[in-house]
Amino acid sequence: MEGCGVKCMKFLLFIFNFIIALCGLGLIVTGCLIHFGLANWIPIQEVAAVLQNEFLRSAVYMIIGAGALVFLIAICGCLGAILENRCLLVLYFLFLLIIFAAQLAAGILAAIYSNEITSFLDKEGKDFLEMDYGNKTAAADEASKLATKGWDVIQQGLECCGVDGQGDYANNPNVQGLYPDSCCMEQVEDPDTGMMVCAPGRDAYADGCKDSLENLIVQYSTIIGASAVGVACFELFCMLFAICICRNIGDDD
């Protein structure tokens, strides 16, 4: 017969796995929010294009995939605890250990990467705005076109202009005037081209995008890192309970 302690561990393992399953669904929802940029968020794809970072671009898919995997593993853990199936519990422990390590790594990478944004914007960001922004010639690569689109979305969404201000576009041969249309406080649709252009007599945003973009990245990094580390803590307890239950099953046999 099972002891009271084993029953308690089975119950706690079930409860923790139920919470982890909800966390997995939460990771999926969080990934979708970051991907589509709901509410006041800028879609992470646009931010990744501006920062020219493939890791950030794929991070949202990693979050969604990790959420789905965590959900399935939690269901496996619940079944293993209820059925006292050693094979399920061992597989559960191994997969959970891999996910645990990956989530800790993701949390650490998110924290490290958020500290590198300022230096990138001050150097590569300004260089891009001065030389390559708005380059629509055949010689322009796809990354440059995506970065231009990303800057337009960010400047309109965060209501800012350039990295430090309008002066970042002063020497850009691809910009007509002092700044691009996406820097304008109000835009209207050009009846001839169908593109959004500055409304007559409207000024550009005075503030640069550096501080706002850094804050946005910090928000994304905090969400990614906190979600990964938070779920990992629950997973650690579940791994310990799974080991205890497996040992008890072996003793009973």
C-alpha atoms as a PDB file:
ATOM      1  CA  MET A   1       0.000   0.000   0.000  1.00  0.00           C
ATOM      2  CA  GLU A   2       0.977   3.551  -0.564  1.00  0.00           C
ATOM      3  CA  GLY A   3       2.118   5.592   2.348  1.00  0.00           C
ATOM      4  CA  CYS A   4       0.651   8.964   3.183  1.00  0.00           C
ATOM      5  CA  GLY A   5       3.840  10.653   2.007  1.00  0.00           C
ATOM      6  CA  VAL A   6       3.683   9.029  -1.440  1.00  0.00           C
ATOM      7  CA  LYS A   7       0.026   9.971  -1.861  1.00  0.00           C
ATOM      8  CA  CYS A   8       0.892  13.530  -0.904  1.00  0.00           C
ATOM      9  CA  MET A   9       3.731  13.611  -3.455  1.00  0.00           C
ATOM     10  CA  LYS A  10       1.443  12.251  -6.176  1.00  0.00           C
ATOM     11  CA  PHE A  11      -1.127  14.901  -5.364  1.00  0.00           C
ATOM     12  CA  LEU A  12       1.473  17.682  -5.337  1.00  0.00           C
ATOM     13  CA  LEU A  13       2.989  16.420  -8.594  1.00  0.00           C
ATOM     14  CA  PHE A  14      -0.455  16.473 -10.192  1.00  0.00           C
ATOM     15  CA  ILE A  15      -1.146  19.996  -8.912  1.00  0.00           C
ATOM     16  CA  PHE A  16       2.248  21.328 -10.011  1.00  0.00           C
ATOM     17  CA  ASN A  17       1.827  19.764 -13.442  1.00  0.00           C
ATOM     18  CA  PHE A  18      -1.607  21.308 -13.766  1.00  0.00           C
ATOM     19  CA  ILE A  19      -0.040  24.696 -13.009  1.00  0.00           C
ATOM     20  CA  ILE A  20       2.763  24.004 -15.507  1.00  0.00           C
ATOM     21  CA  ALA A  21       0.175  23.082 -18.162  1.00  0.00           C
ATOM     22  CA  LEU A  22      -1.480  26.459 -17.579  1.00  0.00           C
ATOM     23  CA  CYS A  23       1.949  28.115 -17.768  1.00  0.00           C
ATOM     24  CA  GLY A  24       2.540  26.356 -21.096  1.00  0.00           C
ATOM     25  CA  LEU A  25      -0.688  27.816 -22.428  1.00  0.00           C
ATOM     26  CA  GLY A  26       0.418  31.166 -21.010  1.00  0.00           C
ATOM     27  CA  LEU A  27       3.700  30.946 -22.942  1.00  0.00           C
ATOM     28  CA  ILE A  28       1.761  30.283 -26.149  1.00  0.00           C
ATOM     29  CA  VAL A  29      -0.475  33.310 -25.519  1.00  0.00           C
ATOM     30  CA  THR A  30       2.557  35.468 -24.634  1.00  0.00           C
ATOM     31  CA  GLY A  31       4.329  34.406 -27.827  1.00  0.00           C
ATOM     32  CA  CYS A  32       1.267  35.320 -29.901  1.00  0.00           C
ATOM     33  CA  LEU A  33       0.987  38.716 -28.184  1.00  0.00           C
ATOM     34  CA  ILE A  34       4.636  39.505 -28.865  1.00  0.00           C
ATOM     35  CA  HIS A  35       4.394  38.239 -32.449  1.00  0.00           C
ATOM     36  CA  PHE A  36       1.303  40.208 -33.436  1.00  0.00           C
ATOM     37  CA  GLY A  37       2.090  43.254 -31.286  1.00  0.00           C
ATOM     38  CA  LEU A  38      -1.353  43.530 -29.740  1.00  0.00           C
ATOM     39  CA  ALA A  39      -2.353  46.542 -27.628  1.00  0.00           C
ATOM     40  CA  ASN A  40       0.464  49.127 -27.591  1.00  0.00           C
ATOM     41  CA  TRP A  41       3.255  46.668 -28.386  1.00  0.00           C
ATOM     42  CA  ILE A  42       5.305  46.848 -31.569  1.00  0.00           C
ATOM     43  CA  PRO A  43       5.468  43.432 -33.317  1.00  0.00           C
ATOM     44  CA  ILE A  44       8.763  41.786 -32.434  1.00  0.00           C
ATOM     45  CA  GLN A  45       9.438  41.071 -36.120  1.00  0.00           C
ATOM     46  CA  GLU A  46       9.763  44.805 -36.750  1.00  0.00           C
ATOM     47  CA  VAL A  47      12.077  45.237 -33.772  1.00  0.00           C
ATOM     48  CA  ALA A  48      14.195  42.309 -34.962  1.00  0.00           C
ATOM     49  CA  ALA A  49      14.456  43.890 -38.424  1.00  0.00           C
ATOM     50  CA  VAL A  50      15.646  47.190 -36.938  1.00  0.00           C
ATOM     51  CA  LEU A  51      18.202  45.485 -34.703  1.00  0.00           C
ATOM     52  CA  GLN A  52      19.108  43.029 -37.499  1.00  0.00           C
ATOM     53  CA  ASN A  53      19.007  40.121 -35.064  1.00  0.00           C
ATOM     54  CA  GLU A  54      17.872  36.676 -36.202  1.00  0.00           C
ATOM     55  CA  PHE A  55      17.745  35.317 -32.639  1.00  0.00           C
ATOM     56  CA  LEU A  56      15.193  37.929 -31.655  1.00  0.00           C
ATOM     57  CA  ARG A  57      13.232  37.226 -34.835  1.00  0.00           C
ATOM     58  CA  SER A  58      12.967  33.518 -34.011  1.00  0.00           C
ATOM     59  CA  ALA A  59      12.485  34.015 -30.258  1.00  0.00           C
ATOM     60  CA  VAL A  60       8.715  34.302 -30.558  1.00  0.00           C
ATOM     61  CA  TYR A  61       8.472  30.936 -32.334  1.00  0.00           C
ATOM     62  CA  MET A  62      10.717  29.404 -29.699  1.00  0.00           C
ATOM     63  CA  ILE A  63       8.374  30.703 -26.981  1.00  0.00           C
ATOM     64  CA  ILE A  64       5.279  29.288 -28.693  1.00  0.00           C
ATOM     65  CA  GLY A  65       7.011  25.962 -29.352  1.00  0.00           C
ATOM     66  CA  ALA A  66       8.282  25.756 -25.772  1.00  0.00           C
ATOM     67  CA  GLY A  67       4.792  26.505 -24.452  1.00  0.00           C
ATOM     68  CA  ALA A  68       3.261  23.696 -26.505  1.00  0.00           C
ATOM     69  CA  LEU A  69       6.000  21.255 -25.437  1.00  0.00           C
ATOM     70  CA  VAL A  70       5.676  22.231 -21.764  1.00  0.00           C
ATOM     71  CA  PHE A  71       1.914  21.670 -21.968  1.00  0.00           C
ATOM     72  CA  LEU A  72       2.331  18.171 -23.453  1.00  0.00           C
ATOM     73  CA  ILE A  73       5.031  17.220 -20.946  1.00  0.00           C
ATOM     74  CA  ALA A  74       2.838  18.385 -18.063  1.00  0.00           C
ATOM     75  CA  ILE A  75       0.020  16.144 -19.299  1.00  0.00           C
ATOM     76  CA  CYS A  76       2.505  13.252 -19.448  1.00  0.00           C
ATOM     77  CA  GLY A  77       3.544  13.992 -15.854  1.00  0.00           C
ATOM     78  CA  CYS A  78      -0.063  14.016 -14.664  1.00  0.00           C
ATOM     79  CA  LEU A  79      -0.729  10.611 -16.271  1.00  0.00           C
ATOM     80  CA  GLY A  80       2.515   9.184 -14.919  1.00  0.00           C
ATOM     81  CA  ALA A  81       1.651  10.288 -11.375  1.00  0.00           C
ATOM     82  CA  ILE A  82      -1.931   8.965 -11.515  1.00  0.00           C
ATOM     83  CA  LEU A  83      -1.024   5.618 -13.157  1.00  0.00           C
ATOM     84  CA  GLU A  84       2.286   5.262 -11.287  1.00  0.00           C
ATOM     85  CA  ASN A  85       3.873   4.346 -14.606  1.00  0.00           C
ATOM     86  CA  ARG A  86       7.645   4.319 -14.185  1.00  0.00           C
ATOM     87  CA  CYS A  87       8.332   4.606 -17.935  1.00  0.00           C
ATOM     88  CA  LEU A  88       6.145   7.711 -18.225  1.00  0.00           C
ATOM     89  CA  LEU A  89       7.728   9.264 -15.161  1.00  0.00           C
ATOM     90  CA  VAL A  90      11.285   8.629 -16.398  1.00  0.00           C
ATOM     91  CA  LEU A  91      10.496  10.106 -19.830  1.00  0.00           C
ATOM     92  CA  TYR A  92       8.759  12.977 -18.081  1.00  0.00           C
ATOM     93  CA  PHE A  93      11.835  13.653 -15.933  1.00  0.00           C
ATOM     94  CA  LEU A  94      14.253  13.569 -18.893  1.00  0.00           C
ATOM     95  CA  PHE A  95      12.162  15.857 -21.106  1.00  0.00           C
ATOM     96  CA  LEU A  96      11.532  18.196 -18.194  1.00  0.00           C
ATOM     97  CA  LEU A  97      15.271  18.364 -17.476  1.00  0.00           C
ATOM     98  CA  ILE A  98      15.966  19.376 -21.094  1.00  0.00           C
ATOM     99  CA  ILE A  99      13.223  22.017 -21.069  1.00  0.00           C
ATOM    100  CA  PHE A 100      14.428  23.256 -17.667  1.00  0.00           C
ATOM    101  CA  ALA A 101      17.969  23.817 -18.972  1.00  0.00           C
ATOM    102  CA  ALA A 102      16.710  25.451 -22.179  1.00  0.00           C
ATOM    103  CA  GLN A 103      14.460  27.859 -20.279  1.00  0.00           C
ATOM    104  CA  LEU A 104      17.233  28.924 -17.925  1.00  0.00           C
ATOM    105  CA  ALA A 105      19.483  29.524 -20.937  1.00  0.00           C
ATOM    106  CA  ALA A 106      16.732  31.573 -22.621  1.00  0.00           C
ATOM    107  CA  GLY A 107      16.279  33.694 -19.506  1.00  0.00           C
ATOM    108  CA  ILE A 108      20.022  34.364 -19.262  1.00  0.00           C
ATOM    109  CA  LEU A 109      20.332  35.172 -22.992  1.00  0.00           C
ATOM    110  CA  ALA A 110      17.383  37.570 -22.798  1.00  0.00           C
ATOM    111  CA  ALA A 111      19.036  39.425 -19.916  1.00  0.00           C
ATOM    112  CA  ILE A 112      22.423  39.575 -21.675  1.00  0.00           C
ATOM    113  CA  TYR A 113      20.992  40.686 -25.014  1.00  0.00           C
ATOM    114  CA  SER A 114      18.965  43.526 -23.491  1.00  0.00           C
ATOM    115  CA  ASN A 115      22.234  45.080 -22.277  1.00  0.00           C
ATOM    116  CA  GLU A 116      23.729  45.189 -25.807  1.00  0.00           C
ATOM    117  CA  ILE A 117      20.999  47.312 -27.396  1.00  0.00           C
ATOM    118  CA  THR A 118      22.436  50.743 -26.576  1.00  0.00           C
ATOM    119  CA  SER A 119      25.794  50.094 -28.238  1.00  0.00           C
ATOM    120  CA  PHE A 120      24.067  48.669 -31.336  1.00  0.00           C
ATOM    121  CA  LEU A 121      21.765  51.665 -31.761  1.00  0.00           C
ATOM    122  CA  ASP A 122      24.575  54.176 -31.204  1.00  0.00           C
ATOM    123  CA  LYS A 123      26.779  52.592 -33.887  1.00  0.00           C
ATOM    124  CA  GLU A 124      25.028  50.270 -36.367  1.00  0.00           C
ATOM    125  CA  GLY A 125      21.629  51.933 -35.914  1.00  0.00           C
ATOM    126  CA  LYS A 126      22.882  55.429 -36.708  1.00  0.00           C
ATOM    127  CA  ASP A 127      25.009  54.187 -39.597  1.00  0.00           C
ATOM    128  CA  PHE A 128      21.971  52.526 -41.151  1.00  0.00           C
ATOM    129  CA  LEU A 129      19.787  55.641 -40.840  1.00  0.00           C
ATOM    130  CA  GLU A 130      22.525  57.795 -42.340  1.00  0.00           C
ATOM    131  CA  MET A 131      23.343  55.585 -45.330  1.00  0.00           C
ATOM    132  CA  ASP A 132      20.918  52.724 -46.025  1.00  0.00           C
ATOM    133  CA  TYR A 133      17.492  53.758 -44.723  1.00  0.00           C
ATOM    134  CA  GLY A 134      15.001  54.117 -47.580  1.00  0.00           C
ATOM    135  CA  ASN A 135      17.247  52.498 -50.185  1.00  0.00           C
ATOM    136  CA  LYS A 136      14.794  51.091 -52.731  1.00  0.00           C
ATOM    137  CA  THR A 137      17.274  50.364 -55.506  1.00  0.00           C
ATOM    138  CA  ALA A 138      17.877  46.884 -56.853  1.00  0.00           C
ATOM    139  CA  ALA A 139      21.209  46.848 -55.011  1.00  0.00           C
ATOM    140  CA  ALA A 140      19.477  47.047 -51.604  1.00  0.00           C
ATOM    141  CA  ASP A 141      19.328  43.682 -49.838  1.00  0.00           C
ATOM    142  CA  GLU A 142      16.219  42.244 -48.203  1.00  0.00           C
ATOM    143  CA  ALA A 143      17.516  42.913 -44.690  1.00  0.00           C
ATOM    144  CA  SER A 144      17.880  46.619 -45.499  1.00  0.00           C
ATOM    145  CA  LYS A 145      14.317  46.815 -46.829  1.00  0.00           C
ATOM    146  CA  LEU A 146      12.958  45.023 -43.758  1.00  0.00           C
ATOM    147  CA  ALA A 147      14.942  47.348 -41.480  1.00  0.00           C
ATOM    148  CA  THR A 148      13.520  50.401 -43.263  1.00  0.00           C
ATOM    149  CA  LYS A 149       9.984  49.061 -42.803  1.00  0.00           C
ATOM    150  CA  GLY A 150      10.775  48.270 -39.167  1.00  0.00           C
ATOM    151  CA  TRP A 151      12.015  51.804 -38.495  1.00  0.00           C
ATOM    152  CA  ASP A 152       8.844  53.232 -40.075  1.00  0.00           C
ATOM    153  CA  VAL A 153       6.624  51.080 -37.844  1.00  0.00           C
ATOM    154  CA  ILE A 154       8.646  51.917 -34.710  1.00  0.00           C
ATOM    155  CA  GLN A 155       8.795  55.666 -35.403  1.00  0.00           C
ATOM    156  CA  GLN A 156       5.036  55.813 -35.860  1.00  0.00           C
ATOM    157  CA  GLY A 157       4.243  53.399 -33.027  1.00  0.00           C
ATOM    158  CA  LEU A 158       6.599  54.943 -30.460  1.00  0.00           C
ATOM    159  CA  GLU A 159       6.130  58.515 -31.772  1.00  0.00           C
ATOM    160  CA  CYS A 160       9.810  59.249 -32.222  1.00  0.00           C
ATOM    161  CA  CYS A 161      12.348  59.967 -34.977  1.00  0.00           C
ATOM    162  CA  GLY A 162      15.739  58.352 -35.586  1.00  0.00           C
ATOM    163  CA  VAL A 163      17.993  57.117 -32.823  1.00  0.00           C
ATOM    164  CA  ASP A 164      18.681  60.497 -31.199  1.00  0.00           C
ATOM    165  CA  GLY A 165      16.453  62.714 -33.341  1.00  0.00           C
ATOM    166  CA  GLN A 166      15.860  64.113 -36.831  1.00  0.00           C
ATOM    167  CA  GLY A 167      19.563  64.836 -37.303  1.00  0.00           C
ATOM    168  CA  ASP A 168      20.286  61.137 -37.847  1.00  0.00           C
ATOM    169  CA  TYR A 169      18.841  61.490 -41.381  1.00  0.00           C
ATOM    170  CA  ALA A 170      20.742  64.664 -42.288  1.00  0.00           C
ATOM    171  CA  ASN A 171      23.181  62.993 -44.691  1.00  0.00           C
ATOM    172  CA  ASN A 172      20.926  60.242 -46.019  1.00  0.00           C
ATOM    173  CA  PRO A 173      20.660  60.490 -49.839  1.00  0.00           C
ATOM    174  CA  ASN A 174      17.498  58.361 -49.866  1.00  0.00           C
ATOM    175  CA  VAL A 175      15.440  60.756 -47.717  1.00  0.00           C
ATOM    176  CA  GLN A 176      13.751  63.724 -49.331  1.00  0.00           C
ATOM    177  CA  GLY A 177      13.789  66.616 -46.908  1.00  0.00           C
ATOM    178  CA  LEU A 178      15.065  66.614 -43.351  1.00  0.00           C
ATOM    179  CA  TYR A 179      13.392  63.390 -42.225  1.00  0.00           C
ATOM    180  CA  PRO A 180      11.236  60.518 -43.563  1.00  0.00           C
ATOM    181  CA  ASP A 181       7.437  60.630 -43.600  1.00  0.00           C
ATOM    182  CA  SER A 182       7.219  58.118 -40.748  1.00  0.00           C
ATOM    183  CA  CYS A 183       8.692  60.780 -38.435  1.00  0.00           C
ATOM    184  CA  CYS A 184       5.695  63.072 -38.964  1.00  0.00           C
ATOM    185  CA  MET A 185       3.210  63.624 -36.158  1.00  0.00           C
ATOM    186  CA  GLU A 186       0.354  63.274 -38.628  1.00  0.00           C
ATOM    187  CA  GLN A 187       0.250  61.414 -41.923  1.00  0.00           C
ATOM    188  CA  VAL A 188      -2.207  61.407 -44.816  1.00  0.00           C
ATOM    189  CA  GLU A 189      -2.542  59.112 -47.806  1.00  0.00           C
ATOM    190  CA  ASP A 190      -1.049  60.362 -51.048  1.00  0.00           C
ATOM    191  CA  PRO A 191      -3.822  60.046 -53.670  1.00  0.00           C
ATOM    192  CA  ASP A 192      -1.274  59.398 -56.422  1.00  0.00           C
ATOM    193  CA  THR A 193       0.867  56.703 -54.802  1.00  0.00           C
ATOM    194  CA  GLY A 194      -1.432  55.449 -52.037  1.00  0.00           C
ATOM    195  CA  MET A 195       1.460  55.782 -49.562  1.00  0.00           C
ATOM    196  CA  MET A 196       1.329  57.583 -46.235  1.00  0.00           C
ATOM    197  CA  VAL A 197       3.080  60.981 -46.327  1.00  0.00           C
ATOM    198  CA  CYS A 198       3.437  63.947 -43.999  1.00  0.00           C
ATOM    199  CA  ALA A 199       0.331  66.046 -43.575  1.00  0.00           C
ATOM    200  CA  PRO A 200       0.909  69.644 -44.776  1.00  0.00           C
ATOM    201  CA  GLY A 201       2.225  71.901 -42.042  1.00  0.00           C
ATOM    202  CA  ARG A 202       2.800  69.104 -39.536  1.00  0.00           C
ATOM    203  CA  ASP A 203       6.093  68.822 -37.636  1.00  0.00           C
ATOM    204  CA  ALA A 204       8.164  65.725 -36.959  1.00  0.00           C
ATOM    205  CA  TYR A 205       8.584  64.048 -33.593  1.00  0.00           C
ATOM    206  CA  ALA A 206      11.369  65.780 -31.687  1.00  0.00           C
ATOM    207  CA  ASP A 207      12.527  62.861 -29.534  1.00  0.00           C
ATOM    208  CA  GLY A 208      14.755  60.044 -30.736  1.00  0.00           C
ATOM    209  CA  CYS A 209      13.690  56.402 -30.511  1.00  0.00           C
ATOM    210  CA  LYS A 210      16.642  55.102 -28.499  1.00  0.00           C
ATOM    211  CA  ASP A 211      15.124  55.325 -25.017  1.00  0.00           C
ATOM    212  CA  SER A 212      11.667  54.137 -26.112  1.00  0.00           C
ATOM    213  CA  LEU A 213      13.114  51.232 -28.106  1.00  0.00           C
ATOM    214  CA  GLU A 214      15.389  50.215 -25.236  1.00  0.00           C
ATOM    215  CA  ASN A 215      12.411  50.230 -22.866  1.00  0.00           C
ATOM    216  CA  LEU A 216      10.422  48.125 -25.333  1.00  0.00           C
ATOM    217  CA  ILE A 217      13.210  45.559 -25.602  1.00  0.00           C
ATOM    218  CA  VAL A 218      13.548  45.485 -21.810  1.00  0.00           C
ATOM    219  CA  GLN A 219       9.815  44.747 -21.580  1.00  0.00           C
ATOM    220  CA  TYR A 220      10.117  41.917 -24.093  1.00  0.00           C
ATOM    221  CA  SER A 221      13.246  40.542 -22.411  1.00  0.00           C
ATOM    222  CA  THR A 222      11.630  40.726 -18.975  1.00  0.00           C
ATOM    223  CA  ILE A 223       8.542  38.900 -20.190  1.00  0.00           C
ATOM    224  CA  ILE A 224      10.588  36.192 -21.940  1.00  0.00           C
ATOM    225  CA  GLY A 225      13.085  35.803 -19.098  1.00  0.00           C
ATOM    226  CA  ALA A 226      10.563  35.901 -16.237  1.00  0.00           C
ATOM    227  CA  SER A 227       8.238  33.451 -17.994  1.00  0.00           C
ATOM    228  CA  ALA A 228      11.076  31.005 -18.670  1.00  0.00           C
ATOM    229  CA  VAL A 229      12.580  31.169 -15.164  1.00  0.00           C
ATOM    230  CA  GLY A 230       9.161  31.141 -13.440  1.00  0.00           C
ATOM    231  CA  VAL A 231       8.024  27.968 -15.216  1.00  0.00           C
ATOM    232  CA  ALA A 232      11.463  26.431 -14.644  1.00  0.00           C
ATOM    233  CA  CYS A 233      11.012  26.777 -10.869  1.00  0.00           C
ATOM    234  CA  PHE A 234       7.791  24.744 -10.976  1.00  0.00           C
ATOM    235  CA  GLU A 235       9.532  22.200 -13.204  1.00  0.00           C
ATOM    236  CA  LEU A 236      12.322  21.762 -10.648  1.00  0.00           C
ATOM    237  CA  PHE A 237       9.828  20.734  -7.963  1.00  0.00           C
ATOM    238  CA  CYS A 238       8.095  18.387 -10.410  1.00  0.00           C
ATOM    239  CA  MET A 239      11.395  16.666 -11.250  1.00  0.00           C
ATOM    240  CA  LEU A 240      12.072  16.082  -7.546  1.00  0.00           C
ATOM    241  CA  PHE A 241       8.594  14.651  -6.956  1.00  0.00           C
ATOM    242  CA  ALA A 242       8.911  12.430 -10.055  1.00  0.00           C
ATOM    243  CA  ILE A 243      12.193  10.976  -8.747  1.00  0.00           C
ATOM    244  CA  CYS A 244      10.635  10.246  -5.336  1.00  0.00           C
ATOM    245  CA  ILE A 245       7.600   8.530  -6.857  1.00  0.00           C
ATOM    246  CA  CYS A 246       9.806   6.448  -9.197  1.00  0.00           C
ATOM    247  CA  ARG A 247      11.888   5.253  -6.255  1.00  0.00           C
ATOM    248  CA  ASN A 248       8.751   4.302  -4.365  1.00  0.00           C
ATOM    249  CA  ILE A 249       7.386   2.344  -7.335  1.00  0.00           C
ATOM    250  CA  GLY A 250      10.630   0.381  -7.430  1.00  0.00           C
ATOM    251  CA  ASP A 251      10.398  -0.356  -3.687  1.00  0.00           C
ATOM    252  CA  ASP A 252       6.814  -1.590  -3.998  1.00  0.00           C
ATOM    253  CA  ASP A 253       7.725  -3.910  -6.896  1.00  0.00           C
END
